[in-house]
PDB file of N, CA and C in Angstrom:
ATOM      1  N   MET A   1       0.855  -0.995   0.154  1.00  0.00           N
ATOM      2  CA  MET A   1       0.024   0.496  -0.251  1.00  0.00           C
ATOM      3  C   MET A   1       0.226   0.959   0.263  1.00  0.00           C
ATOM      4  N   LEU A   2       1.842   1.187   0.813  1.00  0.00           N
ATOM      5  CA  LEU A   2       2.718   2.674   0.667  1.00  0.00           C
ATOM      6  C   LEU A   2       3.486   2.463  -1.281  1.00  0.00           C
ATOM      7  N   GLU A   3       3.429   1.857  -1.318  1.00  0.00           N
ATOM      8  CA  GLU A   3       4.025   1.610  -2.704  1.00  0.00           C
ATOM      9  C   GLU A   3       3.167   2.702  -3.519  1.00  0.00           C
ATOM     10  N   ALA A   4       1.730   2.416  -3.588  1.00  0.00           N
ATOM     11  CA  ALA A   4       0.531   2.700  -3.868  1.00  0.00           C
ATOM     12  C   ALA A   4       0.723   4.133  -3.568  1.00  0.00           C
ATOM     13  N   VAL A   5       0.944   4.178  -2.578  1.00  0.00           N
ATOM     14  CA  VAL A   5       0.325   5.522  -1.926  1.00  0.00           C
ATOM     15  C   VAL A   5       1.784   6.682  -2.496  1.00  0.00           C
ATOM     16  N   ASP A   6       3.002   6.488  -2.101  1.00  0.00           N
ATOM     17  CA  ASP A   6       4.404   6.975  -3.334  1.00  0.00           C
ATOM     18  C   ASP A   6       3.695   7.438  -4.445  1.00  0.00           C
ATOM     19  N   ALA A   7       3.739   5.905  -5.050  1.00  0.00           N
ATOM     20  CA  ALA A   7       3.327   6.131  -6.493  1.00  0.00           C
ATOM     21  C   ALA A   7       2.095   7.571  -7.264  1.00  0.00           C
ATOM     22  N   TYR A   8       1.470   8.081  -6.520  1.00  0.00           N
ATOM     23  CA  TYR A   8       0.827   9.027  -6.519  1.00  0.00           C
ATOM     24  C   TYR A   8       0.678  10.069  -5.896  1.00  0.00           C
ATOM     25  N   THR A   9       2.102  10.217  -4.857  1.00  0.00           N
ATOM     26  CA  THR A   9       2.206  11.343  -4.397  1.00  0.00           C
ATOM     27  C   THR A   9       3.704  11.828  -3.901  1.00  0.00           C
ATOM     28  N   TYR A  10       4.017  11.068  -3.924  1.00  0.00           N
ATOM     29  CA  TYR A  10       5.559  11.770  -3.992  1.00  0.00           C
ATOM     30  C   TYR A  10       6.318  11.773  -5.123  1.00  0.00           C
ATOM     31  N   TRP A  11       6.505  10.827  -5.391  1.00  0.00           N
ATOM     32  CA  TRP A  11       6.978  10.169  -6.873  1.00  0.00           C
ATOM     33  C   TRP A  11       6.632  11.369  -7.845  1.00  0.00           C
ATOM     34  N   PRO A  12       5.731  11.665  -8.076  1.00  0.00           N
ATOM     35  CA  PRO A  12       5.054  13.070  -9.089  1.00  0.00           C
ATOM     36  C   PRO A  12       6.037  13.454  -9.393  1.00  0.00           C
ATOM     37  N   ALA A  13       5.260  14.223  -7.763  1.00  0.00           N
ATOM     38  CA  ALA A  13       6.028  15.795  -7.790  1.00  0.00           C
ATOM     39  C   ALA A  13       8.001  15.409  -7.035  1.00  0.00           C
ATOM     40  N   TYR A  14       8.442  14.485  -7.405  1.00  0.00           N
ATOM     41  CA  TYR A  14       9.762  14.104  -7.654  1.00  0.00           C
ATOM     42  C   TYR A  14       9.818  13.933  -9.050  1.00  0.00           C
ATOM     43  N   THR A  15       9.272  13.462 -10.088  1.00  0.00           N
ATOM     44  CA  THR A  15       9.392  13.778 -11.249  1.00  0.00           C
ATOM     45  C   THR A  15       9.530  15.523 -11.997  1.00  0.00           C
ATOM     46  N   ALA A  16       8.464  15.728 -10.978  1.00  0.00           N
ATOM     47  CA  ALA A  16       8.326  17.312 -11.998  1.00  0.00           C
ATOM     48  C   ALA A  16       9.992  18.049 -10.979  1.00  0.00           C
ATOM     49  N   GLY A  17      10.376  17.793  -9.755  1.00  0.00           N
ATOM     50  CA  GLY A  17      10.924  18.379  -9.068  1.00  0.00           C
ATOM     51  C   GLY A  17      10.121  19.452  -8.381  1.00  0.00           C
ATOM     52  N   GLU A  18       9.146  18.842  -7.778  1.00  0.00           N
ATOM     53  CA  GLU A  18       8.112  19.606  -7.411  1.00  0.00           C
ATOM     54  C   GLU A  18       8.791  18.913  -5.665  1.00  0.00           C
ATOM     55  N   GLU A  19       9.453  18.087  -5.183  1.00  0.00           N
ATOM     56  CA  GLU A  19       9.167  16.958  -4.352  1.00  0.00           C
ATOM     57  C   GLU A  19       9.831  18.474  -2.177  1.00  0.00           C
ATOM     58  N   SER A  20      10.692  19.720  -3.046  1.00  0.00           N
ATOM     59  CA  SER A  20      10.629  20.196  -1.966  1.00  0.00           C
ATOM     60  C   SER A  20       9.651  21.423  -1.133  1.00  0.00           C
ATOM     61  N   TYR A  21       8.342  21.374  -2.053  1.00  0.00           N
ATOM     62  CA  TYR A  21       6.803  21.611  -1.718  1.00  0.00           C
ATOM     63  C   TYR A  21       6.383  21.210  -1.776  1.00  0.00           C
ATOM     64  N   ARG A  22       6.036  20.068  -2.251  1.00  0.00           N
ATOM     65  CA  ARG A  22       4.654  19.401  -2.505  1.00  0.00           C
ATOM     66  C   ARG A  22       5.394  17.282  -2.735  1.00  0.00           C
ATOM     67  N   GLY A  23       3.692  16.502  -2.037  1.00  0.00           N
ATOM     68  CA  GLY A  23       3.797  14.486  -2.179  1.00  0.00           C
ATOM     69  C   GLY A  23       4.478  14.337  -1.292  1.00  0.00           C
ATOM     70  N   SER A  24       4.413  15.270  -0.405  1.00  0.00           N
ATOM     71  CA  SER A  24       4.573  14.856   0.754  1.00  0.00           C
ATOM     72  C   SER A  24       4.159  15.767   2.208  1.00  0.00           C
ATOM     73  N   ILE A  25       3.639  14.702   2.741  1.00  0.00           N
ATOM     74  CA  ILE A  25       3.035  16.052   4.122  1.00  0.00           C
ATOM     75  C   ILE A  25       3.929  16.345   4.703  1.00  0.00           C
ATOM     76  N   ALA A  26       4.292  18.005   4.732  1.00  0.00           N
ATOM     77  CA  ALA A  26       5.432  18.197   5.786  1.00  0.00           C
ATOM     78  C   ALA A  26       5.736  19.685   6.259  1.00  0.00           C
ATOM     79  N   PRO A  27       5.802  19.901   7.280  1.00  0.00           N
ATOM     80  CA  PRO A  27       5.961  21.714   7.362  1.00  0.00           C
ATOM     81  C   PRO A  27       6.564  22.320   6.608  1.00  0.00           C
ATOM     82  N   GLY A  28       5.628  23.462   6.060  1.00  0.00           N
ATOM     83  CA  GLY A  28       6.609  24.358   4.273  1.00  0.00           C
ATOM     84  C   GLY A  28       5.943  23.363   3.640  1.00  0.00           C
ATOM     85  N   LYS A  29       5.615  22.860   3.166  1.00  0.00           N
ATOM     86  CA  LYS A  29       4.823  22.246   1.935  1.00  0.00           C
ATOM     87  C   LYS A  29       3.774  22.782   2.066  1.00  0.00           C
ATOM     88  N   VAL A  30       3.008  22.743   0.025  1.00  0.00           N
ATOM     89  CA  VAL A  30       1.589  23.078   0.112  1.00  0.00           C
ATOM     90  C   VAL A  30       0.035  21.975   0.852  1.00  0.00           C
ATOM     91  N   ALA A  31      -0.273  22.222   1.888  1.00  0.00           N
ATOM     92  CA  ALA A  31      -1.564  20.686   2.077  1.00  0.00           C
ATOM     93  C   ALA A  31      -1.760  20.836  -0.105  1.00  0.00           C
ATOM     94  N   ASP A  32      -1.950  20.184   0.359  1.00  0.00           N
ATOM     95  CA  ASP A  32      -3.541  18.984  -0.988  1.00  0.00           C
ATOM     96  C   ASP A  32      -3.884  17.571  -0.786  1.00  0.00           C
ATOM     97  N   LEU A  33      -4.776  17.559   0.443  1.00  0.00           N
ATOM     98  CA  LEU A  33      -4.756  15.758   0.919  1.00  0.00           C
ATOM     99  C   LEU A  33      -6.915  15.349   1.098  1.00  0.00           C
ATOM    100  N   VAL A  34      -6.623  14.371   1.416  1.00  0.00           N
ATOM    101  CA  VAL A  34      -7.822  14.074   1.309  1.00  0.00           C
ATOM    102  C   VAL A  34      -8.221  13.201   2.792  1.00  0.00           C
ATOM    103  N   VAL A  35      -8.704  13.227   3.870  1.00  0.00           N
ATOM    104  CA  VAL A  35      -9.060  12.361   5.248  1.00  0.00           C
ATOM    105  C   VAL A  35      -9.755  10.960   4.457  1.00  0.00           C
ATOM    106  N   LEU A  36      -9.667  10.395   4.645  1.00  0.00           N
ATOM    107  CA  LEU A  36     -10.369   8.673   4.755  1.00  0.00           C
ATOM    108  C   LEU A  36     -11.131   8.912   5.546  1.00  0.00           C
ATOM    109  N   GLY A  37     -12.108   7.088   5.571  1.00  0.00           N
ATOM    110  CA  GLY A  37     -12.566   7.691   6.785  1.00  0.00           C
ATOM    111  C   GLY A  37     -12.793   6.299   7.541  1.00  0.00           C
ATOM    112  N   GLU A  38     -11.409   4.906   6.800  1.00  0.00           N
ATOM    113  CA  GLU A  38     -10.508   4.045   6.781  1.00  0.00           C
ATOM    114  C   GLU A  38      -8.966   4.941   7.197  1.00  0.00           C
ATOM    115  N   ASN A  39      -7.659   3.643   7.627  1.00  0.00           N
ATOM    116  CA  ASN A  39      -7.059   3.662   7.297  1.00  0.00           C
ATOM    117  C   ASN A  39      -6.792   2.158   5.741  1.00  0.00           C
ATOM    118  N   ILE A  40      -6.540   3.103   4.643  1.00  0.00           N
ATOM    119  CA  ILE A  40      -6.512   1.885   3.666  1.00  0.00           C
ATOM    120  C   ILE A  40      -5.174   1.496   4.342  1.00  0.00           C
ATOM    121  N   PHE A  41      -4.422   1.578   5.125  1.00  0.00           N
ATOM    122  CA  PHE A  41      -3.246   0.730   5.229  1.00  0.00           C
ATOM    123  C   PHE A  41      -3.078  -1.173   5.938  1.00  0.00           C
ATOM    124  N   SER A  42      -4.839  -0.409   6.614  1.00  0.00           N
ATOM    125  CA  SER A  42      -4.677  -1.553   7.490  1.00  0.00           C
ATOM    126  C   SER A  42      -5.794  -2.725   7.265  1.00  0.00           C
ATOM    127  N   ILE A  43      -6.510  -2.160   5.948  1.00  0.00           N
ATOM    128  CA  ILE A  43      -7.607  -2.345   5.328  1.00  0.00           C
ATOM    129  C   ILE A  43      -7.499  -3.582   4.728  1.00  0.00           C
ATOM    130  N   ASP A  44      -8.116  -4.100   4.043  1.00  0.00           N
ATOM    131  CA  ASP A  44      -8.572  -5.331   2.785  1.00  0.00           C
ATOM    132  C   ASP A  44      -8.421  -4.524   1.269  1.00  0.00           C
ATOM    133  N   PRO A  45      -7.365  -3.908   0.429  1.00  0.00           N
ATOM    134  CA  PRO A  45      -7.792  -2.827  -0.484  1.00  0.00           C
ATOM    135  C   PRO A  45      -8.283  -3.451  -1.452  1.00  0.00           C
ATOM    136  N   MET A  46      -9.203  -4.311  -1.558  1.00  0.00           N
ATOM    137  CA  MET A  46     -10.755  -4.474  -1.933  1.00  0.00           C
ATOM    138  C   MET A  46     -11.961  -3.052  -1.753  1.00  0.00           C
ATOM    139  N   ARG A  47     -11.573  -3.063  -0.187  1.00  0.00           N
ATOM    140  CA  ARG A  47     -12.421  -1.511   0.193  1.00  0.00           C
ATOM    141  C   ARG A  47     -11.891  -0.791  -0.059  1.00  0.00           C
ATOM    142  N   ILE A  48     -10.602  -0.392  -0.224  1.00  0.00           N
ATOM    143  CA  ILE A  48     -10.842   0.896  -0.695  1.00  0.00           C
ATOM    144  C   ILE A  48     -11.294   1.927  -1.318  1.00  0.00           C
ATOM    145  N   LEU A  49     -11.864   1.037  -2.864  1.00  0.00           N
ATOM    146  CA  LEU A  49     -12.157   1.846  -3.372  1.00  0.00           C
ATOM    147  C   LEU A  49     -13.748   2.663  -2.698  1.00  0.00           C
ATOM    148  N   ASN A  50     -14.273   2.126  -1.753  1.00  0.00           N
ATOM    149  CA  ASN A  50     -15.069   2.215  -0.902  1.00  0.00           C
ATOM    150  C   ASN A  50     -15.066   3.653   0.636  1.00  0.00           C
ATOM    151  N   THR A  51     -14.131   3.774   0.332  1.00  0.00           N
ATOM    152  CA  THR A  51     -13.405   4.069   1.787  1.00  0.00           C
ATOM    153  C   THR A  51     -14.461   5.706   1.535  1.00  0.00           C
ATOM    154  N   PRO A  52     -14.819   6.140   2.405  1.00  0.00           N
ATOM    155  CA  PRO A  52     -15.298   7.287   2.221  1.00  0.00           C
ATOM    156  C   PRO A  52     -14.418   8.981   2.411  1.00  0.00           C
ATOM    157  N   VAL A  53     -14.193   9.329   1.293  1.00  0.00           N
ATOM    158  CA  VAL A  53     -13.158  10.509   2.153  1.00  0.00           C
ATOM    159  C   VAL A  53     -14.397  11.462   3.386  1.00  0.00           C
ATOM    160  N   GLU A  54     -13.934  11.827   4.416  1.00  0.00           N
ATOM    161  CA  GLU A  54     -14.537  12.637   5.068  1.00  0.00           C
ATOM    162  C   GLU A  54     -13.722  14.321   4.940  1.00  0.00           C
ATOM    163  N   MET A  55     -12.538  14.535   4.502  1.00  0.00           N
ATOM    164  CA  MET A  55     -12.125  15.464   4.341  1.00  0.00           C
ATOM    165  C   MET A  55     -11.587  15.910   2.707  1.00  0.00           C
ATOM    166  N   THR A  56     -11.441  17.317   2.462  1.00  0.00           N
ATOM    167  CA  THR A  56     -10.333  17.097   1.283  1.00  0.00           C
ATOM    168  C   THR A  56      -9.958  18.378   1.759  1.00  0.00           C
ATOM    169  N   VAL A  57      -9.040  18.633   1.689  1.00  0.00           N
ATOM    170  CA  VAL A  57      -7.689  19.934   1.835  1.00  0.00           C
ATOM    171  C   VAL A  57      -7.274  20.499   0.428  1.00  0.00           C
ATOM    172  N   ILE A  58      -6.849  21.335   0.299  1.00  0.00           N
ATOM    173  CA  ILE A  58      -7.036  22.053  -0.434  1.00  0.00           C
ATOM    174  C   ILE A  58      -5.890  23.347  -1.002  1.00  0.00           C
ATOM    175  N   ASP A  59      -4.665  23.147  -0.775  1.00  0.00           N
ATOM    176  CA  ASP A  59      -3.605  24.420  -0.911  1.00  0.00           C
ATOM    177  C   ASP A  59      -3.911  25.182   0.964  1.00  0.00           C
ATOM    178  N   GLY A  60      -4.029  23.673   2.121  1.00  0.00           N
ATOM    179  CA  GLY A  60      -4.001  23.590   3.121  1.00  0.00           C
ATOM    180  C   GLY A  60      -5.489  24.737   3.982  1.00  0.00           C
ATOM    181  N   LYS A  61      -6.798  24.633   3.382  1.00  0.00           N
ATOM    182  CA  LYS A  61      -7.744  25.537   3.119  1.00  0.00           C
ATOM    183  C   LYS A  61      -9.137  24.100   3.353  1.00  0.00           C
ATOM    184  N   VAL A  62      -9.485  23.485   4.211  1.00  0.00           N
ATOM    185  CA  VAL A  62     -10.518  22.323   3.574  1.00  0.00           C
ATOM    186  C   VAL A  62     -11.652  23.211   2.945  1.00  0.00           C
ATOM    187  N   VAL A  63     -12.028  22.608   1.312  1.00  0.00           N
ATOM    188  CA  VAL A  63     -12.593  22.534   0.944  1.00  0.00           C
ATOM    189  C   VAL A  63     -14.392  21.519   0.401  1.00  0.00           C
ATOM    190  N   ALA A  64     -14.272  20.684   1.799  1.00  0.00           N
ATOM    191  CA  ALA A  64     -15.196  19.874   1.553  1.00  0.00           C
ATOM    192  C   ALA A  64     -14.756  18.768   2.740  1.00  0.00           C
ATOM    193  N   GLU A  65     -15.983  19.290   3.252  1.00  0.00           N
ATOM    194  CA  GLU A  65     -16.156  17.844   4.868  1.00  0.00           C
ATOM    195  C   GLU A  65     -17.760  17.012   4.054  1.00  0.00           C
TER     196      GLU A  65
END
């Protein structure tokens, strides 16, 4: 699962030369993220598609709850 998350977050930022300010959650980086209703690292991968999105944050601002 970690490899899949990295494939959609860190590695695209790295490829674009943007890993210093996006691609992972850290102080000083842009905050674009979703909060999921379940821990995707501990559930059956087949359940991820049905996991609800609880919150969406874009540029550090909550845009959906």
